[in-house]
Amino acid sequence: MKKRLRELGIVLLSMTACAPMPRIFGSKQMGLGNSQVYSLASSLGGTIIAGTDRGFYKSTDYGFHWTNANLTNTDVFSLLIGSDDRFFAGTDSGVYISTDAGGTWLSSGLSGIQVYSLCVDSLGNLKSLL
C-alpha cells in the first residue's frame, strides 16, 4: 500500500509539471519566484529539483524553500536524478551533469542543442531526446 501511495504521489507531482507552479511549490520569498517550471524530479529524503526558465532550482525540504543552484541563465527543460547524487539537466544549450547534487555543473559534451527529455536505460546509460 505504501508503495502504491508513493507511486500516486509521483504521478501527481509529474502531472502538475505541465503548468507553471510558483504558488504550489513556494513563493517569491521562498526562492522559486515567478519562474516557469518545465520539469521536476524528486528523491527520497525531501529533495526536489526544478528545471525552469531561469535555470536549476533545488529544495531539500519537500518544496517549501528553493535555491537557485549554479545552473542559471538557461532554460532547463528536463531533469534526472541518478545514483550517487548525480543530477542531469537537459537545457536550451545541451546536457549538463552535476556530480555533487547540483553544487557544480559541467557540460556533457552534447552542447549547442535543445534537450527536452532525459532517461537512463537498464544499464544506467544516459539517453536524451532532442
Protein backbone atom coordinates (compact mmCIF):
# COMPACT_ATOMS: atom_id res chain seq x y z
CA MET A 1 0.00 0.00 0.00
CA LYS A 2 2.81 2.45 0.87
CA LYS A 3 4.48 1.75 -2.48
CA ARG A 4 1.21 2.43 -4.30
CA LEU A 5 0.72 5.74 -2.46
CA ARG A 6 4.29 6.76 -3.27
CA GLU A 7 3.69 5.97 -6.96
CA LEU A 8 0.49 8.04 -6.87
CA GLY A 9 2.41 10.94 -5.36
CA ILE A 10 4.98 10.74 -8.15
CA VAL A 11 2.24 10.71 -10.76
CA LEU A 12 0.55 13.73 -9.19
CA LEU A 13 3.86 15.55 -8.96
CA SER A 14 4.51 14.75 -12.63
CA MET A 15 1.05 15.90 -13.67
CA THR A 16 1.50 19.29 -12.01
CA ALA A 17 4.69 19.83 -14.03
CA CYS A 18 2.53 20.63 -17.05
CA ALA A 19 1.66 24.12 -15.80
CA PRO A 20 3.56 26.97 -14.15
CA MET A 21 3.60 26.27 -10.41
CA PRO A 22 5.24 29.02 -8.37
CA ARG A 23 2.32 29.20 -5.93
CA ILE A 24 2.25 25.43 -5.37
CA PHE A 25 5.95 24.91 -4.68
CA GLY A 26 6.90 28.17 -3.00
CA SER A 27 6.56 31.88 -3.25
CA LYS A 28 8.92 34.67 -4.24
CA GLN A 29 10.09 34.90 -0.66
CA MET A 30 10.99 31.22 -0.67
CA GLY A 31 13.21 31.38 -3.74
CA LEU A 32 11.35 29.94 -6.75
CA GLY A 33 9.81 33.28 -7.68
CA ASN A 34 7.71 33.59 -10.80
CA SER A 35 9.72 31.04 -12.72
CA GLN A 36 8.03 28.89 -15.32
CA VAL A 37 8.61 25.30 -14.25
CA TYR A 38 9.37 22.90 -17.12
CA SER A 39 10.37 19.78 -15.19
CA LEU A 40 10.54 18.28 -11.71
CA ALA A 41 12.38 15.36 -10.20
CA SER A 42 12.49 14.09 -6.63
CA SER A 43 14.45 11.71 -4.48
CA LEU A 44 13.96 10.15 -1.08
CA GLY A 45 14.58 12.47 1.83
CA GLY A 46 12.72 15.56 0.63
CA THR A 47 14.95 16.73 -2.22
CA ILE A 48 13.03 18.13 -5.19
CA ILE A 49 14.74 19.72 -8.17
CA ALA A 50 13.06 22.01 -10.68
CA GLY A 51 14.05 22.98 -14.20
CA THR A 52 12.78 26.45 -15.02
CA ASP A 53 13.09 29.29 -17.48
CA ARG A 54 15.61 30.79 -15.03
CA GLY A 55 17.75 27.71 -14.54
CA PHE A 56 18.01 24.95 -11.96
CA TYR A 57 16.41 25.17 -8.52
CA LYS A 58 16.74 22.79 -5.59
CA SER A 59 14.70 22.23 -2.45
CA THR A 60 15.78 19.96 0.39
CA ASP A 61 12.60 20.43 2.45
CA TYR A 62 9.89 19.00 0.19
CA GLY A 63 9.48 22.23 -1.80
CA PHE A 64 8.96 24.76 0.98
CA HIS A 65 12.17 26.67 0.22
CA TRP A 66 14.15 26.86 -3.03
CA THR A 67 17.64 27.94 -4.02
CA ASN A 68 18.96 28.65 -7.49
CA ALA A 69 21.78 26.16 -7.68
CA ASN A 70 24.58 27.24 -10.01
CA LEU A 71 23.00 26.48 -13.39
CA THR A 72 21.47 29.84 -14.18
CA ASN A 73 20.57 31.96 -17.20
CA THR A 74 19.41 28.95 -19.18
CA ASP A 75 16.13 27.12 -19.77
CA VAL A 76 16.23 23.73 -18.04
CA PHE A 77 13.68 21.56 -19.86
CA SER A 78 14.40 18.14 -18.36
CA LEU A 79 15.93 16.72 -15.20
CA LEU A 80 17.07 13.35 -13.99
CA ILE A 81 18.42 12.26 -10.62
CA GLY A 82 20.95 9.47 -10.97
CA SER A 83 22.84 7.46 -8.40
CA ASP A 84 25.43 8.92 -6.03
CA ASP A 85 23.96 12.47 -6.00
CA ARG A 86 24.39 12.86 -9.77
CA PHE A 87 21.95 15.25 -11.45
CA PHE A 88 21.44 15.59 -15.20
CA ALA A 89 19.87 18.64 -16.84
CA GLY A 90 18.65 18.95 -20.43
CA THR A 91 18.82 22.64 -21.33
CA ASP A 92 18.43 25.03 -24.23
CA SER A 93 22.18 24.62 -24.82
CA GLY A 94 22.80 20.91 -24.26
CA VAL A 95 23.15 18.45 -21.38
CA TYR A 96 24.86 19.33 -18.10
CA ILE A 97 25.93 16.94 -15.34
CA SER A 98 26.44 17.60 -11.64
CA THR A 99 28.27 15.02 -9.54
CA ASP A 100 27.68 16.90 -6.26
CA ALA A 101 23.88 17.21 -6.07
CA GLY A 102 23.73 20.44 -8.06
CA GLY A 103 26.64 22.27 -6.49
CA THR A 104 28.64 22.49 -9.73
CA TRP A 105 27.76 21.69 -13.34
CA LEU A 106 29.81 20.57 -16.33
CA SER A 107 28.80 20.24 -19.95
CA SER A 108 28.42 16.63 -21.03
CA GLY A 109 29.91 17.36 -24.42
CA LEU A 110 26.47 17.42 -26.01
CA SER A 111 26.18 21.17 -26.46
CA GLY A 112 24.56 23.72 -28.73
CA ILE A 113 21.20 21.92 -28.97
CA GLN A 114 17.96 21.96 -27.03
CA VAL A 115 17.35 18.78 -24.98
CA TYR A 116 13.75 18.21 -23.90
CA SER A 117 13.89 14.73 -22.35
CA LEU A 118 16.39 12.57 -20.47
CA CYS A 119 16.30 8.96 -19.29
CA VAL A 120 18.61 6.12 -18.38
CA ASP A 121 18.50 2.65 -19.87
CA SER A 122 18.61 -0.61 -17.91
CA LEU A 123 22.44 -0.43 -17.83
CA GLY A 124 22.44 3.10 -16.37
CA ASN A 125 23.47 4.84 -19.59
CA LEU A 126 22.12 8.36 -20.10
CA LYS A 127 19.83 8.86 -23.10
CA SER A 128 18.37 12.11 -24.43
CA LEU A 129 15.60 13.15 -26.77
CA LEU A 130 16.41 16.26 -28.78
